[in-house]
Amino acid sequence: MTWLGFIHLAFATVALVLGVMLFRQAKGGKVHRSTGYLYSLALLILNVSALGIYSDSQTAGPFHVLAFVSLATLFCALTTVFVRRPRSSWLRLHAYFMCWSYVGLVSAGCGQIIAMLQMEPMTIGLVSASIVALGGVIIHFQLPNALNAISFAK
Protein backbone atom coordinates (compact mmCIF):
# COMPACT_ATOMS: atom_id res chain seq x y z
CA MET A 1 0.00 0.00 0.00
CA THR A 2 1.31 3.44 -0.88
CA TRP A 3 1.54 6.23 1.69
CA LEU A 4 -1.40 7.96 -0.02
CA GLY A 5 -3.42 4.75 0.20
CA PHE A 6 -2.57 4.46 3.88
CA ILE A 7 -3.68 8.06 4.53
CA HIS A 8 -6.89 7.39 2.61
CA LEU A 9 -7.62 4.21 4.58
CA ALA A 10 -6.76 5.82 7.92
CA PHE A 11 -9.04 8.82 7.40
CA ALA A 12 -11.82 6.63 5.98
CA THR A 13 -11.68 4.58 9.17
CA VAL A 14 -11.70 7.73 11.31
CA ALA A 15 -14.67 9.12 9.36
CA LEU A 16 -16.61 5.86 9.74
CA VAL A 17 -16.08 5.84 13.51
CA LEU A 18 -16.85 9.54 13.93
CA GLY A 19 -19.98 9.17 11.80
CA VAL A 20 -21.33 6.50 14.15
CA MET A 21 -20.53 8.74 17.11
CA LEU A 22 -22.40 11.64 15.49
CA PHE A 23 -25.51 9.53 14.94
CA ARG A 24 -25.52 8.39 18.56
CA GLN A 25 -24.87 11.68 20.37
CA ALA A 26 -27.12 14.61 21.21
CA LYS A 27 -27.27 17.13 18.38
CA GLY A 28 -26.30 20.78 18.45
CA GLY A 29 -24.01 20.95 21.46
CA LYS A 30 -20.27 21.50 21.68
CA VAL A 31 -19.49 17.78 21.53
CA HIS A 32 -21.62 17.36 18.40
CA ARG A 33 -19.98 20.35 16.74
CA SER A 34 -16.46 19.21 17.61
CA THR A 35 -17.13 15.67 16.44
CA GLY A 36 -18.77 17.05 13.29
CA TYR A 37 -15.76 19.20 12.46
CA LEU A 38 -13.46 16.21 12.92
CA TYR A 39 -15.74 14.07 10.73
CA SER A 40 -15.74 16.80 8.07
CA LEU A 41 -11.96 17.11 8.18
CA ALA A 42 -11.53 13.33 7.92
CA LEU A 43 -13.97 13.22 5.00
CA LEU A 44 -12.17 16.08 3.28
CA ILE A 45 -8.76 14.42 3.63
CA LEU A 46 -9.99 11.00 2.53
CA ASN A 47 -11.72 12.45 -0.55
CA VAL A 48 -8.77 14.60 -1.57
CA SER A 49 -6.47 11.61 -1.11
CA ALA A 50 -8.85 9.48 -3.21
CA LEU A 51 -8.35 11.87 -6.11
CA GLY A 52 -4.65 11.00 -6.15
CA ILE A 53 -5.01 7.22 -6.10
CA TYR A 54 -4.74 5.51 -9.48
CA SER A 55 -3.83 1.93 -8.54
CA ASP A 56 -5.56 0.22 -11.45
CA SER A 57 -5.16 2.79 -14.22
CA GLN A 58 -3.79 6.19 -15.07
CA THR A 59 -7.19 7.76 -15.57
CA ALA A 60 -10.02 8.77 -13.30
CA GLY A 61 -12.59 6.12 -12.48
CA PRO A 62 -15.91 5.85 -10.68
CA PHE A 63 -14.35 6.26 -7.23
CA HIS A 64 -12.84 9.59 -8.34
CA VAL A 65 -16.26 10.79 -9.50
CA LEU A 66 -17.76 9.69 -6.18
CA ALA A 67 -15.05 11.61 -4.31
CA PHE A 68 -16.20 14.79 -6.05
CA VAL A 69 -19.83 13.98 -5.21
CA SER A 70 -18.83 13.43 -1.58
CA LEU A 71 -16.94 16.73 -1.50
CA ALA A 72 -19.99 18.53 -2.93
CA THR A 73 -22.24 16.91 -0.32
CA LEU A 74 -19.87 17.91 2.47
CA PHE A 75 -19.66 21.47 1.11
CA CYS A 76 -23.46 21.77 1.07
CA ALA A 77 -23.78 20.33 4.58
CA LEU A 78 -21.27 22.78 6.02
CA THR A 79 -22.53 25.77 4.04
CA THR A 80 -26.03 25.39 5.46
CA VAL A 81 -24.59 25.48 8.99
CA PHE A 82 -22.29 28.45 8.44
CA VAL A 83 -24.81 30.68 6.63
CA ARG A 84 -27.93 29.27 8.35
CA ARG A 85 -29.90 29.67 5.14
CA PRO A 86 -32.53 28.99 4.12
CA ARG A 87 -33.65 30.28 7.48
CA SER A 88 -36.56 27.87 7.92
CA SER A 89 -34.84 24.71 6.69
CA TRP A 90 -31.06 25.00 7.10
CA LEU A 91 -30.98 22.41 9.90
CA ARG A 92 -33.02 19.91 7.91
CA LEU A 93 -30.78 20.40 4.87
CA HIS A 94 -27.64 20.04 6.99
CA ALA A 95 -28.92 16.80 8.50
CA TYR A 96 -29.86 15.32 5.13
CA PHE A 97 -26.53 16.25 3.52
CA MET A 98 -24.56 14.84 6.45
CA CYS A 99 -26.57 11.62 6.49
CA TRP A 100 -26.05 11.19 2.75
CA SER A 101 -22.33 11.87 3.18
CA TYR A 102 -22.18 8.93 5.58
CA VAL A 103 -24.22 6.67 3.28
CA GLY A 104 -21.80 7.55 0.47
CA LEU A 105 -18.83 6.80 2.71
CA VAL A 106 -20.16 3.36 3.65
CA SER A 107 -21.17 2.59 0.07
CA ALA A 108 -17.80 3.62 -1.38
CA GLY A 109 -15.95 1.74 1.34
CA CYS A 110 -17.84 -1.48 0.67
CA GLY A 111 -17.42 -0.97 -3.06
CA GLN A 112 -13.69 -0.49 -2.60
CA ILE A 113 -13.39 -3.66 -0.52
CA ILE A 114 -15.23 -5.61 -3.22
CA ALA A 115 -12.99 -4.07 -5.89
CA MET A 116 -9.89 -5.07 -3.90
CA LEU A 117 -11.23 -8.63 -3.71
CA GLN A 118 -11.34 -8.47 -7.53
CA MET A 119 -14.99 -9.34 -7.78
CA GLU A 120 -17.04 -8.54 -10.86
CA PRO A 121 -17.76 -4.84 -11.48
CA MET A 122 -21.47 -5.68 -11.49
CA THR A 123 -21.10 -6.91 -7.90
CA ILE A 124 -19.53 -3.60 -6.88
CA GLY A 125 -22.42 -1.71 -8.43
CA LEU A 126 -25.10 -3.92 -6.91
CA VAL A 127 -23.66 -3.80 -3.40
CA SER A 128 -23.07 -0.04 -3.58
CA ALA A 129 -26.55 0.61 -4.96
CA SER A 130 -28.09 -1.63 -2.29
CA ILE A 131 -26.31 0.31 0.45
CA VAL A 132 -27.46 3.62 -1.02
CA ALA A 133 -31.05 2.32 -1.29
CA LEU A 134 -31.03 1.04 2.29
CA GLY A 135 -29.48 4.31 3.48
CA GLY A 136 -32.17 6.23 1.63
CA VAL A 137 -34.93 4.23 3.31
CA ILE A 138 -33.38 4.75 6.75
CA ILE A 139 -32.92 8.47 6.13
CA HIS A 140 -36.47 8.82 4.81
CA PHE A 141 -38.08 7.12 7.80
CA GLN A 142 -35.73 8.02 10.67
CA LEU A 143 -34.41 11.51 10.01
CA PRO A 144 -37.74 13.39 10.19
CA ASN A 145 -38.39 11.93 13.66
CA ALA A 146 -34.87 12.81 14.79
CA LEU A 147 -35.27 16.37 13.52
CA ASN A 148 -38.62 16.76 15.30
CA ALA A 149 -36.91 15.80 18.55
CA ILE A 150 -34.37 18.63 18.30
CA SER A 151 -35.53 21.62 20.32
CA PHE A 152 -33.55 24.22 18.38
CA ALA A 153 -34.82 23.10 14.95
CA LYS A 154 -36.25 26.54 14.19
C-alpha atoms as a PDB file:
ATOM      1  CA  MET A   1       0.000   0.000   0.000  1.00  0.00           C
ATOM      2  CA  THR A   2       1.306   3.444  -0.881  1.00  0.00           C
ATOM      3  CA  TRP A   3       1.544   6.228   1.689  1.00  0.00           C
ATOM      4  CA  LEU A   4      -1.401   7.956  -0.022  1.00  0.00           C
ATOM      5  CA  GLY A   5      -3.421   4.748   0.196  1.00  0.00           C
ATOM      6  CA  PHE A   6      -2.568   4.460   3.881  1.00  0.00           C
ATOM      7  CA  ILE A   7      -3.678   8.061   4.525  1.00  0.00           C
ATOM      8  CA  HIS A   8      -6.887   7.387   2.615  1.00  0.00           C
ATOM      9  CA  LEU A   9      -7.624   4.215   4.583  1.00  0.00           C
ATOM     10  CA  ALA A  10      -6.765   5.821   7.925  1.00  0.00           C
ATOM     11  CA  PHE A  11      -9.040   8.817   7.397  1.00  0.00           C
ATOM     12  CA  ALA A  12     -11.816   6.626   5.978  1.00  0.00           C
ATOM     13  CA  THR A  13     -11.682   4.583   9.173  1.00  0.00           C
ATOM     14  CA  VAL A  14     -11.701   7.735  11.315  1.00  0.00           C
ATOM     15  CA  ALA A  15     -14.673   9.125   9.361  1.00  0.00           C
ATOM     16  CA  LEU A  16     -16.612   5.859   9.736  1.00  0.00           C
ATOM     17  CA  VAL A  17     -16.084   5.842  13.511  1.00  0.00           C
ATOM     18  CA  LEU A  18     -16.853   9.543  13.926  1.00  0.00           C
ATOM     19  CA  GLY A  19     -19.984   9.167  11.803  1.00  0.00           C
ATOM     20  CA  VAL A  20     -21.335   6.503  14.146  1.00  0.00           C
ATOM     21  CA  MET A  21     -20.527   8.741  17.105  1.00  0.00           C
ATOM     22  CA  LEU A  22     -22.401  11.636  15.485  1.00  0.00           C
ATOM     23  CA  PHE A  23     -25.509   9.534  14.944  1.00  0.00           C
ATOM     24  CA  ARG A  24     -25.518   8.385  18.558  1.00  0.00           C
ATOM     25  CA  GLN A  25     -24.873  11.681  20.367  1.00  0.00           C
ATOM     26  CA  ALA A  26     -27.122  14.611  21.206  1.00  0.00           C
ATOM     27  CA  LYS A  27     -27.265  17.128  18.384  1.00  0.00           C
ATOM     28  CA  GLY A  28     -26.299  20.779  18.447  1.00  0.00           C
ATOM     29  CA  GLY A  29     -24.009  20.955  21.461  1.00  0.00           C
ATOM     30  CA  LYS A  30     -20.269  21.497  21.676  1.00  0.00           C
ATOM     31  CA  VAL A  31     -19.487  17.781  21.526  1.00  0.00           C
ATOM     32  CA  HIS A  32     -21.618  17.363  18.399  1.00  0.00           C
ATOM     33  CA  ARG A  33     -19.976  20.350  16.736  1.00  0.00           C
ATOM     34  CA  SER A  34     -16.458  19.205  17.614  1.00  0.00           C
ATOM     35  CA  THR A  35     -17.133  15.668  16.438  1.00  0.00           C
ATOM     36  CA  GLY A  36     -18.771  17.053  13.290  1.00  0.00           C
ATOM     37  CA  TYR A  37     -15.762  19.203  12.461  1.00  0.00           C
ATOM     38  CA  LEU A  38     -13.460  16.210  12.924  1.00  0.00           C
ATOM     39  CA  TYR A  39     -15.736  14.071  10.728  1.00  0.00           C
ATOM     40  CA  SER A  40     -15.742  16.797   8.074  1.00  0.00           C
ATOM     41  CA  LEU A  41     -11.961  17.106   8.184  1.00  0.00           C
ATOM     42  CA  ALA A  42     -11.532  13.333   7.924  1.00  0.00           C
ATOM     43  CA  LEU A  43     -13.975  13.218   5.001  1.00  0.00           C
ATOM     44  CA  LEU A  44     -12.167  16.085   3.283  1.00  0.00           C
ATOM     45  CA  ILE A  45      -8.761  14.416   3.634  1.00  0.00           C
ATOM     46  CA  LEU A  46      -9.987  10.996   2.528  1.00  0.00           C
ATOM     47  CA  ASN A  47     -11.719  12.451  -0.548  1.00  0.00           C
ATOM     48  CA  VAL A  48      -8.767  14.600  -1.570  1.00  0.00           C
ATOM     49  CA  SER A  49      -6.468  11.607  -1.110  1.00  0.00           C
ATOM     50  CA  ALA A  50      -8.852   9.480  -3.214  1.00  0.00           C
ATOM     51  CA  LEU A  51      -8.350  11.873  -6.107  1.00  0.00           C
ATOM     52  CA  GLY A  52      -4.646  11.005  -6.150  1.00  0.00           C
ATOM     53  CA  ILE A  53      -5.005   7.219  -6.099  1.00  0.00           C
ATOM     54  CA  TYR A  54      -4.736   5.506  -9.485  1.00  0.00           C
ATOM     55  CA  SER A  55      -3.827   1.934  -8.544  1.00  0.00           C
ATOM     56  CA  ASP A  56      -5.558   0.223 -11.446  1.00  0.00           C
ATOM     57  CA  SER A  57      -5.162   2.789 -14.223  1.00  0.00           C
ATOM     58  CA  GLN A  58      -3.786   6.187 -15.069  1.00  0.00           C
ATOM     59  CA  THR A  59      -7.193   7.755 -15.572  1.00  0.00           C
ATOM     60  CA  ALA A  60     -10.020   8.770 -13.297  1.00  0.00           C
ATOM     61  CA  GLY A  61     -12.586   6.120 -12.477  1.00  0.00           C
ATOM     62  CA  PRO A  62     -15.910   5.853 -10.675  1.00  0.00           C
ATOM     63  CA  PHE A  63     -14.351   6.265  -7.231  1.00  0.00           C
ATOM     64  CA  HIS A  64     -12.845   9.590  -8.343  1.00  0.00           C
ATOM     65  CA  VAL A  65     -16.262  10.785  -9.499  1.00  0.00           C
ATOM     66  CA  LEU A  66     -17.756   9.686  -6.176  1.00  0.00           C
ATOM     67  CA  ALA A  67     -15.045  11.606  -4.312  1.00  0.00           C
ATOM     68  CA  PHE A  68     -16.202  14.792  -6.053  1.00  0.00           C
ATOM     69  CA  VAL A  69     -19.834  13.977  -5.214  1.00  0.00           C
ATOM     70  CA  SER A  70     -18.830  13.430  -1.584  1.00  0.00           C
ATOM     71  CA  LEU A  71     -16.942  16.733  -1.502  1.00  0.00           C
ATOM     72  CA  ALA A  72     -19.985  18.530  -2.931  1.00  0.00           C
ATOM     73  CA  THR A  73     -22.245  16.915  -0.321  1.00  0.00           C
ATOM     74  CA  LEU A  74     -19.872  17.911   2.468  1.00  0.00           C
ATOM     75  CA  PHE A  75     -19.659  21.469   1.114  1.00  0.00           C
ATOM     76  CA  CYS A  76     -23.460  21.772   1.066  1.00  0.00           C
ATOM     77  CA  ALA A  77     -23.781  20.329   4.580  1.00  0.00           C
ATOM     78  CA  LEU A  78     -21.273  22.777   6.018  1.00  0.00           C
ATOM     79  CA  THR A  79     -22.529  25.772   4.043  1.00  0.00           C
ATOM     80  CA  THR A  80     -26.032  25.394   5.463  1.00  0.00           C
ATOM     81  CA  VAL A  81     -24.589  25.484   8.988  1.00  0.00           C
ATOM     82  CA  PHE A  82     -22.293  28.447   8.442  1.00  0.00           C
ATOM     83  CA  VAL A  83     -24.806  30.675   6.632  1.00  0.00           C
ATOM     84  CA  ARG A  84     -27.930  29.275   8.347  1.00  0.00           C
ATOM     85  CA  ARG A  85     -29.896  29.668   5.143  1.00  0.00           C
ATOM     86  CA  PRO A  86     -32.531  28.989   4.121  1.00  0.00           C
ATOM     87  CA  ARG A  87     -33.645  30.278   7.484  1.00  0.00           C
ATOM     88  CA  SER A  88     -36.556  27.873   7.921  1.00  0.00           C
ATOM     89  CA  SER A  89     -34.838  24.715   6.685  1.00  0.00           C
ATOM     90  CA  TRP A  90     -31.056  24.997   7.101  1.00  0.00           C
ATOM     91  CA  LEU A  91     -30.983  22.410   9.895  1.00  0.00           C
ATOM     92  CA  ARG A  92     -33.023  19.907   7.910  1.00  0.00           C
ATOM     93  CA  LEU A  93     -30.776  20.395   4.870  1.00  0.00           C
ATOM     94  CA  HIS A  94     -27.644  20.043   6.992  1.00  0.00           C
ATOM     95  CA  ALA A  95     -28.925  16.795   8.502  1.00  0.00           C
ATOM     96  CA  TYR A  96     -29.862  15.317   5.127  1.00  0.00           C
ATOM     97  CA  PHE A  97     -26.534  16.251   3.518  1.00  0.00           C
ATOM     98  CA  MET A  98     -24.561  14.845   6.446  1.00  0.00           C
ATOM     99  CA  CYS A  99     -26.568  11.620   6.485  1.00  0.00           C
ATOM    100  CA  TRP A 100     -26.050  11.186   2.755  1.00  0.00           C
ATOM    101  CA  SER A 101     -22.333  11.872   3.178  1.00  0.00           C
ATOM    102  CA  TYR A 102     -22.182   8.930   5.575  1.00  0.00           C
ATOM    103  CA  VAL A 103     -24.217   6.671   3.277  1.00  0.00           C
ATOM    104  CA  GLY A 104     -21.804   7.547   0.469  1.00  0.00           C
ATOM    105  CA  LEU A 105     -18.834   6.805   2.713  1.00  0.00           C
ATOM    106  CA  VAL A 106     -20.165   3.363   3.648  1.00  0.00           C
ATOM    107  CA  SER A 107     -21.170   2.590   0.070  1.00  0.00           C
ATOM    108  CA  ALA A 108     -17.805   3.616  -1.377  1.00  0.00           C
ATOM    109  CA  GLY A 109     -15.954   1.737   1.344  1.00  0.00           C
ATOM    110  CA  CYS A 110     -17.844  -1.482   0.669  1.00  0.00           C
ATOM    111  CA  GLY A 111     -17.418  -0.967  -3.065  1.00  0.00           C
ATOM    112  CA  GLN A 112     -13.686  -0.488  -2.602  1.00  0.00           C
ATOM    113  CA  ILE A 113     -13.392  -3.656  -0.522  1.00  0.00           C
ATOM    114  CA  ILE A 114     -15.230  -5.605  -3.223  1.00  0.00           C
ATOM    115  CA  ALA A 115     -12.986  -4.074  -5.892  1.00  0.00           C
ATOM    116  CA  MET A 116      -9.890  -5.066  -3.900  1.00  0.00           C
ATOM    117  CA  LEU A 117     -11.227  -8.630  -3.713  1.00  0.00           C
ATOM    118  CA  GLN A 118     -11.338  -8.474  -7.530  1.00  0.00           C
ATOM    119  CA  MET A 119     -14.991  -9.344  -7.781  1.00  0.00           C
ATOM    120  CA  GLU A 120     -17.036  -8.538 -10.858  1.00  0.00           C
ATOM    121  CA  PRO A 121     -17.765  -4.836 -11.483  1.00  0.00           C
ATOM    122  CA  MET A 122     -21.466  -5.684 -11.489  1.00  0.00           C
ATOM    123  CA  THR A 123     -21.103  -6.907  -7.896  1.00  0.00           C
ATOM    124  CA  ILE A 124     -19.525  -3.604  -6.883  1.00  0.00           C
ATOM    125  CA  GLY A 125     -22.423  -1.709  -8.430  1.00  0.00           C
ATOM    126  CA  LEU A 126     -25.103  -3.922  -6.913  1.00  0.00           C
ATOM    127  CA  VAL A 127     -23.660  -3.797  -3.404  1.00  0.00           C
ATOM    128  CA  SER A 128     -23.069  -0.040  -3.575  1.00  0.00           C
ATOM    129  CA  ALA A 129     -26.554   0.606  -4.964  1.00  0.00           C
ATOM    130  CA  SER A 130     -28.094  -1.627  -2.286  1.00  0.00           C
ATOM    131  CA  ILE A 131     -26.312   0.309   0.454  1.00  0.00           C
ATOM    132  CA  VAL A 132     -27.461   3.618  -1.023  1.00  0.00           C
ATOM    133  CA  ALA A 133     -31.046   2.315  -1.286  1.00  0.00           C
ATOM    134  CA  LEU A 134     -31.030   1.041   2.295  1.00  0.00           C
ATOM    135  CA  GLY A 135     -29.483   4.305   3.482  1.00  0.00           C
ATOM    136  CA  GLY A 136     -32.171   6.234   1.633  1.00  0.00           C
ATOM    137  CA  VAL A 137     -34.929   4.232   3.307  1.00  0.00           C
ATOM    138  CA  ILE A 138     -33.380   4.746   6.746  1.00  0.00           C
ATOM    139  CA  ILE A 139     -32.920   8.473   6.132  1.00  0.00           C
ATOM    140  CA  HIS A 140     -36.475   8.816   4.808  1.00  0.00           C
ATOM    141  CA  PHE A 141     -38.079   7.122   7.796  1.00  0.00           C
ATOM    142  CA  GLN A 142     -35.727   8.017  10.669  1.00  0.00           C
ATOM    143  CA  LEU A 143     -34.408  11.513  10.014  1.00  0.00           C
ATOM    144  CA  PRO A 144     -37.737  13.391  10.190  1.00  0.00           C
ATOM    145  CA  ASN A 145     -38.391  11.935  13.657  1.00  0.00           C
ATOM    146  CA  ALA A 146     -34.874  12.809  14.790  1.00  0.00           C
ATOM    147  CA  LEU A 147     -35.275  16.373  13.521  1.00  0.00           C
ATOM    148  CA  ASN A 148     -38.620  16.758  15.299  1.00  0.00           C
ATOM    149  CA  ALA A 149     -36.909  15.800  18.552  1.00  0.00           C
ATOM    150  CA  ILE A 150     -34.374  18.630  18.297  1.00  0.00           C
ATOM    151  CA  SER A 151     -35.527  21.617  20.316  1.00  0.00           C
ATOM    152  CA  PHE A 152     -33.554  24.223  18.380  1.00  0.00           C
ATOM    153  CA  ALA A 153     -34.818  23.103  14.948  1.00  0.00           C
ATOM    154  CA  LYS A 154     -36.249  26.536  14.190  1.00  0.00           C
END
